[in-house]
Amino acid sequence: RVPVSYAGPDKIVTTHYSAIRLYGSGKDSDGRIVSYKWTQYGGPDVDLINSTSSTVTVSDLEEGKYYLRLIVKDDDGAVDYDNMLLVVNES
């Protein structure tokens, strides 16, 4: 069976945040999750700190829309991903 990735709900914050922590998760009904990987697939460049765990810190935020993805892999080699949108508005 394929695991299930959950990047968390979309978020809207204001620019007084220079960094934000995101909490993702993964479930595998017939085994366990062996790896997590956060990536960015759109928006201004940011730093993803601790991107190989379920929790990531996104830093160097400016006003804009950031498109992020959490990829999980299980002990059978199956992969799933979930996308989330982080919107940073002017404070």
PDB file of N, CA and C in Angstrom:
ATOM      1  N   ARG A   1       0.827  -1.201   0.000  1.00  0.00           N
ATOM      2  CA  ARG A   1       0.000   0.000   0.000  1.00  0.00           C
ATOM      3  C   ARG A   1       0.857   1.245   0.000  1.00  0.00           C
ATOM      4  N   VAL A   2       0.291   2.281  -0.570  1.00  0.00           N
ATOM      5  CA  VAL A   2       0.994   3.568  -0.661  1.00  0.00           C
ATOM      6  C   VAL A   2       0.827   4.334   0.654  1.00  0.00           C
ATOM      7  N   PRO A   3       1.882   4.997   1.129  1.00  0.00           N
ATOM      8  CA  PRO A   3       1.745   5.818   2.332  1.00  0.00           C
ATOM      9  C   PRO A   3       0.925   7.069   2.023  1.00  0.00           C
ATOM     10  N   VAL A   4       0.592   7.799   3.066  1.00  0.00           N
ATOM     11  CA  VAL A   4      -0.167   9.039   2.909  1.00  0.00           C
ATOM     12  C   VAL A   4       0.641  10.178   3.528  1.00  0.00           C
ATOM     13  N   SER A   5       0.882  11.209   2.712  1.00  0.00           N
ATOM     14  CA  SER A   5       1.599  12.397   3.162  1.00  0.00           C
ATOM     15  C   SER A   5       0.606  13.496   3.489  1.00  0.00           C
ATOM     16  N   TYR A   6       0.898  14.273   4.538  1.00  0.00           N
ATOM     17  CA  TYR A   6       0.070  15.421   4.889  1.00  0.00           C
ATOM     18  C   TYR A   6       0.986  16.589   5.233  1.00  0.00           C
ATOM     19  N   ALA A   7       1.007  17.606   4.371  1.00  0.00           N
ATOM     20  CA  ALA A   7       1.868  18.779   4.572  1.00  0.00           C
ATOM     21  C   ALA A   7       1.257  19.797   5.519  1.00  0.00           C
ATOM     22  N   GLY A   8       0.028  19.583   5.927  1.00  0.00           N
ATOM     23  CA  GLY A   8      -0.644  20.537   6.801  1.00  0.00           C
ATOM     24  C   GLY A   8      -1.513  21.476   5.992  1.00  0.00           C
ATOM     25  N   PRO A   9      -2.333  22.249   6.681  1.00  0.00           N
ATOM     26  CA  PRO A   9      -3.236  23.164   5.985  1.00  0.00           C
ATOM     27  C   PRO A   9      -2.478  24.342   5.382  1.00  0.00           C
ATOM     28  N   ASP A  10      -3.068  24.949   4.362  1.00  0.00           N
ATOM     29  CA  ASP A  10      -2.509  26.184   3.816  1.00  0.00           C
ATOM     30  C   ASP A  10      -2.470  27.226   4.929  1.00  0.00           C
ATOM     31  N   LYS A  11      -1.491  28.133   4.866  1.00  0.00           N
ATOM     32  CA  LYS A  11      -1.334  29.143   5.917  1.00  0.00           C
ATOM     33  C   LYS A  11      -1.204  30.528   5.307  1.00  0.00           C
ATOM     34  N   ILE A  12      -1.740  31.514   6.041  1.00  0.00           N
ATOM     35  CA  ILE A  12      -1.577  32.914   5.690  1.00  0.00           C
ATOM     36  C   ILE A  12      -0.978  33.608   6.907  1.00  0.00           C
ATOM     37  N   VAL A  13       0.169  34.274   6.707  1.00  0.00           N
ATOM     38  CA  VAL A  13       0.839  34.994   7.794  1.00  0.00           C
ATOM     39  C   VAL A  13       1.209  36.382   7.293  1.00  0.00           C
ATOM     40  N   THR A  14       1.683  37.233   8.200  1.00  0.00           N
ATOM     41  CA  THR A  14       2.123  38.571   7.801  1.00  0.00           C
ATOM     42  C   THR A  14       3.644  38.640   7.793  1.00  0.00           C
ATOM     43  N   THR A  15       4.194  39.668   7.138  1.00  0.00           N
ATOM     44  CA  THR A  15       5.641  39.754   6.922  1.00  0.00           C
ATOM     45  C   THR A  15       6.440  39.980   8.196  1.00  0.00           C
ATOM     46  N   HIS A  16       5.798  40.212   9.329  1.00  0.00           N
ATOM     47  CA  HIS A  16       6.621  40.355  10.531  1.00  0.00           C
ATOM     48  C   HIS A  16       7.216  39.009  10.950  1.00  0.00           C
ATOM     49  N   TYR A  17       6.807  37.931  10.297  1.00  0.00           N
ATOM     50  CA  TYR A  17       7.461  36.626  10.465  1.00  0.00           C
ATOM     51  C   TYR A  17       8.593  36.534   9.448  1.00  0.00           C
ATOM     52  N   SER A  18       9.817  36.309   9.897  1.00  0.00           N
ATOM     53  CA  SER A  18      10.903  36.068   8.948  1.00  0.00           C
ATOM     54  C   SER A  18      11.101  34.573   8.738  1.00  0.00           C
ATOM     55  N   ALA A  19      10.495  33.776   9.649  1.00  0.00           N
ATOM     56  CA  ALA A  19      10.563  32.320   9.542  1.00  0.00           C
ATOM     57  C   ALA A  19       9.303  31.736  10.165  1.00  0.00           C
ATOM     58  N   ILE A  20       8.926  30.564   9.692  1.00  0.00           N
ATOM     59  CA  ILE A  20       7.769  29.876  10.249  1.00  0.00           C
ATOM     60  C   ILE A  20       8.049  28.379  10.243  1.00  0.00           C
ATOM     61  N   ARG A  21       7.559  27.696  11.241  1.00  0.00           N
ATOM     62  CA  ARG A  21       7.720  26.247  11.318  1.00  0.00           C
ATOM     63  C   ARG A  21       6.444  25.585  10.815  1.00  0.00           C
ATOM     64  N   LEU A  22       6.613  24.588   9.955  1.00  0.00           N
ATOM     65  CA  LEU A  22       5.489  23.831   9.423  1.00  0.00           C
ATOM     66  C   LEU A  22       5.574  22.396   9.913  1.00  0.00           C
ATOM     67  N   TYR A  23       4.421  21.841  10.260  1.00  0.00           N
ATOM     68  CA  TYR A  23       4.358  20.500  10.818  1.00  0.00           C
ATOM     69  C   TYR A  23       3.620  19.582   9.852  1.00  0.00           C
ATOM     70  N   GLY A  24       4.338  18.656   9.256  1.00  0.00           N
ATOM     71  CA  GLY A  24       3.739  17.676   8.367  1.00  0.00           C
ATOM     72  C   GLY A  24       3.716  16.317   9.034  1.00  0.00           C
ATOM     73  N   SER A  25       3.184  15.340   8.306  1.00  0.00           N
ATOM     74  CA  SER A  25       3.157  13.984   8.843  1.00  0.00           C
ATOM     75  C   SER A  25       3.019  12.987   7.701  1.00  0.00           C
ATOM     76  N   GLY A  26       3.227  11.740   8.044  1.00  0.00           N
ATOM     77  CA  GLY A  26       3.046  10.663   7.093  1.00  0.00           C
ATOM     78  C   GLY A  26       2.494   9.451   7.807  1.00  0.00           C
ATOM     79  N   LYS A  27       1.665   8.688   7.121  1.00  0.00           N
ATOM     80  CA  LYS A  27       1.093   7.460   7.673  1.00  0.00           C
ATOM     81  C   LYS A  27       1.319   6.332   6.680  1.00  0.00           C
ATOM     82  N   ASP A  28       1.563   5.153   7.206  1.00  0.00           N
ATOM     83  CA  ASP A  28       1.698   3.975   6.364  1.00  0.00           C
ATOM     84  C   ASP A  28       0.963   2.836   7.044  1.00  0.00           C
ATOM     85  N   SER A  29      -0.126   2.380   6.429  1.00  0.00           N
ATOM     86  CA  SER A  29      -0.985   1.385   7.073  1.00  0.00           C
ATOM     87  C   SER A  29      -0.356  -0.008   7.142  1.00  0.00           C
ATOM     88  N   ASP A  30       0.655  -0.278   6.309  1.00  0.00           N
ATOM     89  CA  ASP A  30       1.245  -1.620   6.329  1.00  0.00           C
ATOM     90  C   ASP A  30       2.749  -1.600   6.642  1.00  0.00           C
ATOM     91  N   GLY A  31       3.197  -0.559   7.291  1.00  0.00           N
ATOM     92  CA  GLY A  31       4.619  -0.455   7.621  1.00  0.00           C
ATOM     93  C   GLY A  31       4.910   0.856   8.304  1.00  0.00           C
ATOM     94  N   ARG A  32       6.033   1.466   7.892  1.00  0.00           N
ATOM     95  CA  ARG A  32       6.402   2.725   8.544  1.00  0.00           C
ATOM     96  C   ARG A  32       6.991   3.693   7.523  1.00  0.00           C
ATOM     97  N   ILE A  33       6.964   4.969   7.861  1.00  0.00           N
ATOM     98  CA  ILE A  33       7.576   6.009   7.041  1.00  0.00           C
ATOM     99  C   ILE A  33       9.076   6.010   7.344  1.00  0.00           C
ATOM    100  N   VAL A  34       9.894   5.960   6.290  1.00  0.00           N
ATOM    101  CA  VAL A  34      11.345   5.934   6.493  1.00  0.00           C
ATOM    102  C   VAL A  34      12.017   7.242   6.098  1.00  0.00           C
ATOM    103  N   SER A  35      11.324   8.097   5.319  1.00  0.00           N
ATOM    104  CA  SER A  35      11.940   9.383   4.997  1.00  0.00           C
ATOM    105  C   SER A  35      10.897  10.446   4.703  1.00  0.00           C
ATOM    106  N   TYR A  36      11.291  11.672   5.023  1.00  0.00           N
ATOM    107  CA  TYR A  36      10.509  12.872   4.745  1.00  0.00           C
ATOM    108  C   TYR A  36      11.390  13.809   3.932  1.00  0.00           C
ATOM    109  N   LYS A  37      10.788  14.562   3.029  1.00  0.00           N
ATOM    110  CA  LYS A  37      11.546  15.554   2.265  1.00  0.00           C
ATOM    111  C   LYS A  37      10.628  16.716   1.906  1.00  0.00           C
ATOM    112  N   TRP A  38      10.932  17.898   2.435  1.00  0.00           N
ATOM    113  CA  TRP A  38      10.227  19.122   2.070  1.00  0.00           C
ATOM    114  C   TRP A  38      10.933  19.758   0.885  1.00  0.00           C
ATOM    115  N   THR A  39      10.168  20.194  -0.111  1.00  0.00           N
ATOM    116  CA  THR A  39      10.723  20.907  -1.259  1.00  0.00           C
ATOM    117  C   THR A  39       9.842  22.118  -1.553  1.00  0.00           C
ATOM    118  N   GLN A  40      10.388  23.025  -2.325  1.00  0.00           N
ATOM    119  CA  GLN A  40       9.632  24.186  -2.791  1.00  0.00           C
ATOM    120  C   GLN A  40       9.481  24.060  -4.295  1.00  0.00           C
ATOM    121  N   TYR A  41       8.252  24.250  -4.799  1.00  0.00           N
ATOM    122  CA  TYR A  41       8.050  24.138  -6.244  1.00  0.00           C
ATOM    123  C   TYR A  41       7.496  25.420  -6.864  1.00  0.00           C
ATOM    124  N   GLY A  42       7.504  26.518  -6.116  1.00  0.00           N
ATOM    125  CA  GLY A  42       7.072  27.790  -6.677  1.00  0.00           C
ATOM    126  C   GLY A  42       7.194  28.905  -5.661  1.00  0.00           C
ATOM    127  N   GLY A  43       7.249  30.127  -6.176  1.00  0.00           N
ATOM    128  CA  GLY A  43       7.331  31.305  -5.326  1.00  0.00           C
ATOM    129  C   GLY A  43       8.762  31.773  -5.154  1.00  0.00           C
ATOM    130  N   PRO A  44       8.942  32.900  -4.436  1.00  0.00           N
ATOM    131  CA  PRO A  44      10.281  33.422  -4.177  1.00  0.00           C
ATOM    132  C   PRO A  44      11.126  32.386  -3.420  1.00  0.00           C
ATOM    133  N   ASP A  45      12.424  32.432  -3.606  1.00  0.00           N
ATOM    134  CA  ASP A  45      13.312  31.479  -2.934  1.00  0.00           C
ATOM    135  C   ASP A  45      13.274  31.657  -1.421  1.00  0.00           C
ATOM    136  N   VAL A  46      13.271  30.537  -0.721  1.00  0.00           N
ATOM    137  CA  VAL A  46      13.350  30.512   0.739  1.00  0.00           C
ATOM    138  C   VAL A  46      14.366  29.461   1.148  1.00  0.00           C
ATOM    139  N   ASP A  47      14.756  29.496   2.413  1.00  0.00           N
ATOM    140  CA  ASP A  47      15.585  28.432   2.977  1.00  0.00           C
ATOM    141  C   ASP A  47      14.671  27.460   3.701  1.00  0.00           C
ATOM    142  N   LEU A  48      14.869  26.179   3.442  1.00  0.00           N
ATOM    143  CA  LEU A  48      14.137  25.122   4.135  1.00  0.00           C
ATOM    144  C   LEU A  48      15.104  24.458   5.104  1.00  0.00           C
ATOM    145  N   ILE A  49      14.927  24.730   6.387  1.00  0.00           N
ATOM    146  CA  ILE A  49      15.826  24.233   7.416  1.00  0.00           C
ATOM    147  C   ILE A  49      15.249  22.955   8.005  1.00  0.00           C
ATOM    148  N   ASN A  50      16.064  21.914   8.068  1.00  0.00           N
ATOM    149  CA  ASN A  50      15.636  20.613   8.575  1.00  0.00           C
ATOM    150  C   ASN A  50      14.631  19.971   7.613  1.00  0.00           C
ATOM    151  N   SER A  51      14.899  20.080   6.320  1.00  0.00           N
ATOM    152  CA  SER A  51      13.936  19.664   5.291  1.00  0.00           C
ATOM    153  C   SER A  51      13.763  18.156   5.156  1.00  0.00           C
ATOM    154  N   THR A  52      14.561  17.359   5.884  1.00  0.00           N
ATOM    155  CA  THR A  52      14.409  15.910   5.804  1.00  0.00           C
ATOM    156  C   THR A  52      13.744  15.329   7.053  1.00  0.00           C
ATOM    157  N   SER A  53      12.917  16.130   7.693  1.00  0.00           N
ATOM    158  CA  SER A  53      12.114  15.653   8.818  1.00  0.00           C
ATOM    159  C   SER A  53      10.666  16.068   8.583  1.00  0.00           C
ATOM    160  N   SER A  54       9.768  15.611   9.424  1.00  0.00           N
ATOM    161  CA  SER A  54       8.355  15.962   9.240  1.00  0.00           C
ATOM    162  C   SER A  54       8.085  17.431   9.550  1.00  0.00           C
ATOM    163  N   THR A  55       8.954  18.047  10.352  1.00  0.00           N
ATOM    164  CA  THR A  55       8.821  19.457  10.707  1.00  0.00           C
ATOM    165  C   THR A  55       9.928  20.252  10.027  1.00  0.00           C
ATOM    166  N   VAL A  56       9.547  21.330   9.329  1.00  0.00           N
ATOM    167  CA  VAL A  56      10.520  22.136   8.609  1.00  0.00           C
ATOM    168  C   VAL A  56      10.368  23.594   9.034  1.00  0.00           C
ATOM    169  N   THR A  57      11.473  24.321   9.042  1.00  0.00           N
ATOM    170  CA  THR A  57      11.434  25.762   9.258  1.00  0.00           C
ATOM    171  C   THR A  57      11.690  26.441   7.921  1.00  0.00           C
ATOM    172  N   VAL A  58      10.775  27.318   7.540  1.00  0.00           N
ATOM    173  CA  VAL A  58      10.890  28.077   6.296  1.00  0.00           C
ATOM    174  C   VAL A  58      11.358  29.469   6.685  1.00  0.00           C
ATOM    175  N   SER A  59      12.532  29.869   6.174  1.00  0.00           N
ATOM    176  CA  SER A  59      13.073  31.182   6.555  1.00  0.00           C
ATOM    177  C   SER A  59      13.361  32.023   5.322  1.00  0.00           C
ATOM    178  N   ASP A  60      13.716  33.282   5.575  1.00  0.00           N
ATOM    179  CA  ASP A  60      13.930  34.298   4.533  1.00  0.00           C
ATOM    180  C   ASP A  60      12.617  34.640   3.828  1.00  0.00           C
ATOM    181  N   LEU A  61      11.551  34.712   4.606  1.00  0.00           N
ATOM    182  CA  LEU A  61      10.232  35.006   4.038  1.00  0.00           C
ATOM    183  C   LEU A  61      10.073  36.481   3.706  1.00  0.00           C
ATOM    184  N   GLU A  62       9.468  36.735   2.578  1.00  0.00           N
ATOM    185  CA  GLU A  62       9.058  38.070   2.151  1.00  0.00           C
ATOM    186  C   GLU A  62       7.603  37.964   1.739  1.00  0.00           C
ATOM    187  N   GLU A  63       7.010  39.078   1.367  1.00  0.00           N
ATOM    188  CA  GLU A  63       5.637  39.051   0.881  1.00  0.00           C
ATOM    189  C   GLU A  63       5.575  38.186  -0.388  1.00  0.00           C
ATOM    190  N   GLY A  64       4.583  37.326  -0.463  1.00  0.00           N
ATOM    191  CA  GLY A  64       4.420  36.491  -1.649  1.00  0.00           C
ATOM    192  C   GLY A  64       3.750  35.171  -1.333  1.00  0.00           C
ATOM    193  N   LYS A  65       3.660  34.351  -2.353  1.00  0.00           N
ATOM    194  CA  LYS A  65       3.072  33.014  -2.232  1.00  0.00           C
ATOM    195  C   LYS A  65       4.178  31.981  -2.403  1.00  0.00           C
ATOM    196  N   TYR A  66       4.220  31.031  -1.487  1.00  0.00           N
ATOM    197  CA  TYR A  66       5.231  29.985  -1.484  1.00  0.00           C
ATOM    198  C   TYR A  66       4.533  28.630  -1.607  1.00  0.00           C
ATOM    199  N   TYR A  67       4.956  27.853  -2.567  1.00  0.00           N
ATOM    200  CA  TYR A  67       4.351  26.553  -2.840  1.00  0.00           C
ATOM    201  C   TYR A  67       5.313  25.471  -2.353  1.00  0.00           C
ATOM    202  N   LEU A  68       4.858  24.714  -1.361  1.00  0.00           N
ATOM    203  CA  LEU A  68       5.708  23.734  -0.695  1.00  0.00           C
ATOM    204  C   LEU A  68       5.117  22.335  -0.813  1.00  0.00           C
ATOM    205  N   ARG A  69       5.986  21.340  -0.776  1.00  0.00           N
ATOM    206  CA  ARG A  69       5.566  19.950  -0.935  1.00  0.00           C
ATOM    207  C   ARG A  69       6.289  19.090   0.090  1.00  0.00           C
ATOM    208  N   LEU A  70       5.538  18.178   0.720  1.00  0.00           N
ATOM    209  CA  LEU A  70       6.127  17.187   1.616  1.00  0.00           C
ATOM    210  C   LEU A  70       6.020  15.823   0.948  1.00  0.00           C
ATOM    211  N   ILE A  71       7.177  15.198   0.734  1.00  0.00           N
ATOM    212  CA  ILE A  71       7.243  13.874   0.122  1.00  0.00           C
ATOM    213  C   ILE A  71       7.596  12.868   1.218  1.00  0.00           C
ATOM    214  N   VAL A  72       6.832  11.773   1.301  1.00  0.00           N
ATOM    215  CA  VAL A  72       7.135  10.710   2.259  1.00  0.00           C
ATOM    216  C   VAL A  72       7.391   9.417   1.502  1.00  0.00           C
ATOM    217  N   LYS A  73       8.244   8.584   2.088  1.00  0.00           N
ATOM    218  CA  LYS A  73       8.567   7.280   1.510  1.00  0.00           C
ATOM    219  C   LYS A  73       8.441   6.243   2.610  1.00  0.00           C
ATOM    220  N   ASP A  74       7.835   5.100   2.279  1.00  0.00           N
ATOM    221  CA  ASP A  74       7.673   4.065   3.291  1.00  0.00           C
ATOM    222  C   ASP A  74       8.730   2.975   3.148  1.00  0.00           C
ATOM    223  N   ASP A  75       8.673   1.993   4.056  1.00  0.00           N
ATOM    224  CA  ASP A  75       9.686   0.934   4.084  1.00  0.00           C
ATOM    225  C   ASP A  75       9.565  -0.044   2.917  1.00  0.00           C
ATOM    226  N   ASP A  76       8.538   0.078   2.088  1.00  0.00           N
ATOM    227  CA  ASP A  76       8.423  -0.722   0.864  1.00  0.00           C
ATOM    228  C   ASP A  76       8.894   0.062  -0.358  1.00  0.00           C
ATOM    229  N   GLY A  77       9.320   1.319  -0.179  1.00  0.00           N
ATOM    230  CA  GLY A  77       9.776   2.151  -1.275  1.00  0.00           C
ATOM    231  C   GLY A  77       8.674   2.945  -1.959  1.00  0.00           C
ATOM    232  N   ALA A  78       7.447   2.837  -1.467  1.00  0.00           N
ATOM    233  CA  ALA A  78       6.335   3.589  -2.045  1.00  0.00           C
ATOM    234  C   ALA A  78       6.401   5.040  -1.577  1.00  0.00           C
ATOM    235  N   VAL A  79       5.936   5.947  -2.439  1.00  0.00           N
ATOM    236  CA  VAL A  79       6.067   7.389  -2.192  1.00  0.00           C
ATOM    237  C   VAL A  79       4.714   8.068  -2.354  1.00  0.00           C
ATOM    238  N   ASP A  80       4.489   9.102  -1.557  1.00  0.00           N
ATOM    239  CA  ASP A  80       3.318   9.970  -1.709  1.00  0.00           C
ATOM    240  C   ASP A  80       3.773  11.386  -1.389  1.00  0.00           C
ATOM    241  N   TYR A  81       3.019  12.373  -1.883  1.00  0.00           N
ATOM    242  CA  TYR A  81       3.335  13.755  -1.534  1.00  0.00           C
ATOM    243  C   TYR A  81       2.047  14.541  -1.339  1.00  0.00           C
ATOM    244  N   ASP A  82       2.197  15.656  -0.623  1.00  0.00           N
ATOM    245  CA  ASP A  82       1.093  16.578  -0.387  1.00  0.00           C
ATOM    246  C   ASP A  82       1.643  17.984  -0.515  1.00  0.00           C
ATOM    247  N   ASN A  83       0.859  18.848  -1.139  1.00  0.00           N
ATOM    248  CA  ASN A  83       1.257  20.244  -1.345  1.00  0.00           C
ATOM    249  C   ASN A  83       0.559  21.158  -0.358  1.00  0.00           C
ATOM    250  N   MET A  84       1.202  22.255  -0.048  1.00  0.00           N
ATOM    251  CA  MET A  84       0.569  23.297   0.761  1.00  0.00           C
ATOM    252  C   MET A  84       1.030  24.652   0.266  1.00  0.00           C
ATOM    253  N   LEU A  85       0.184  25.639   0.499  1.00  0.00           N
ATOM    254  CA  LEU A  85       0.450  27.019   0.081  1.00  0.00           C
ATOM    255  C   LEU A  85       0.675  27.856   1.332  1.00  0.00           C
ATOM    256  N   LEU A  86       1.774  28.600   1.352  1.00  0.00           N
ATOM    257  CA  LEU A  86       2.079  29.543   2.407  1.00  0.00           C
ATOM    258  C   LEU A  86       2.017  30.936   1.786  1.00  0.00           C
ATOM    259  N   VAL A  87       1.107  31.758   2.291  1.00  0.00           N
ATOM    260  CA  VAL A  87       0.941  33.121   1.785  1.00  0.00           C
ATOM    261  C   VAL A  87       1.447  34.083   2.852  1.00  0.00           C
ATOM    262  N   VAL A  88       2.353  34.976   2.445  1.00  0.00           N
ATOM    263  CA  VAL A  88       2.883  35.993   3.349  1.00  0.00           C
ATOM    264  C   VAL A  88       2.394  37.342   2.856  1.00  0.00           C
ATOM    265  N   ASN A  89       1.594  38.015   3.688  1.00  0.00           N
ATOM    266  CA  ASN A  89       1.061  39.337   3.362  1.00  0.00           C
ATOM    267  C   ASN A  89       1.836  40.409   4.111  1.00  0.00           C
ATOM    268  N   GLU A  90       1.769  41.649   3.589  1.00  0.00           N
ATOM    269  CA  GLU A  90       2.391  42.774   4.287  1.00  0.00           C
ATOM    270  C   GLU A  90       1.734  42.955   5.636  1.00  0.00           C
ATOM    271  N   SER A  91       2.541  43.301   6.633  1.00  0.00           N
ATOM    272  CA  SER A  91       1.968  43.509   7.977  1.00  0.00           C
ATOM    273  C   SER A  91       1.372  44.883   8.112  1.00  0.00           C
TER     274      SER A  91
END
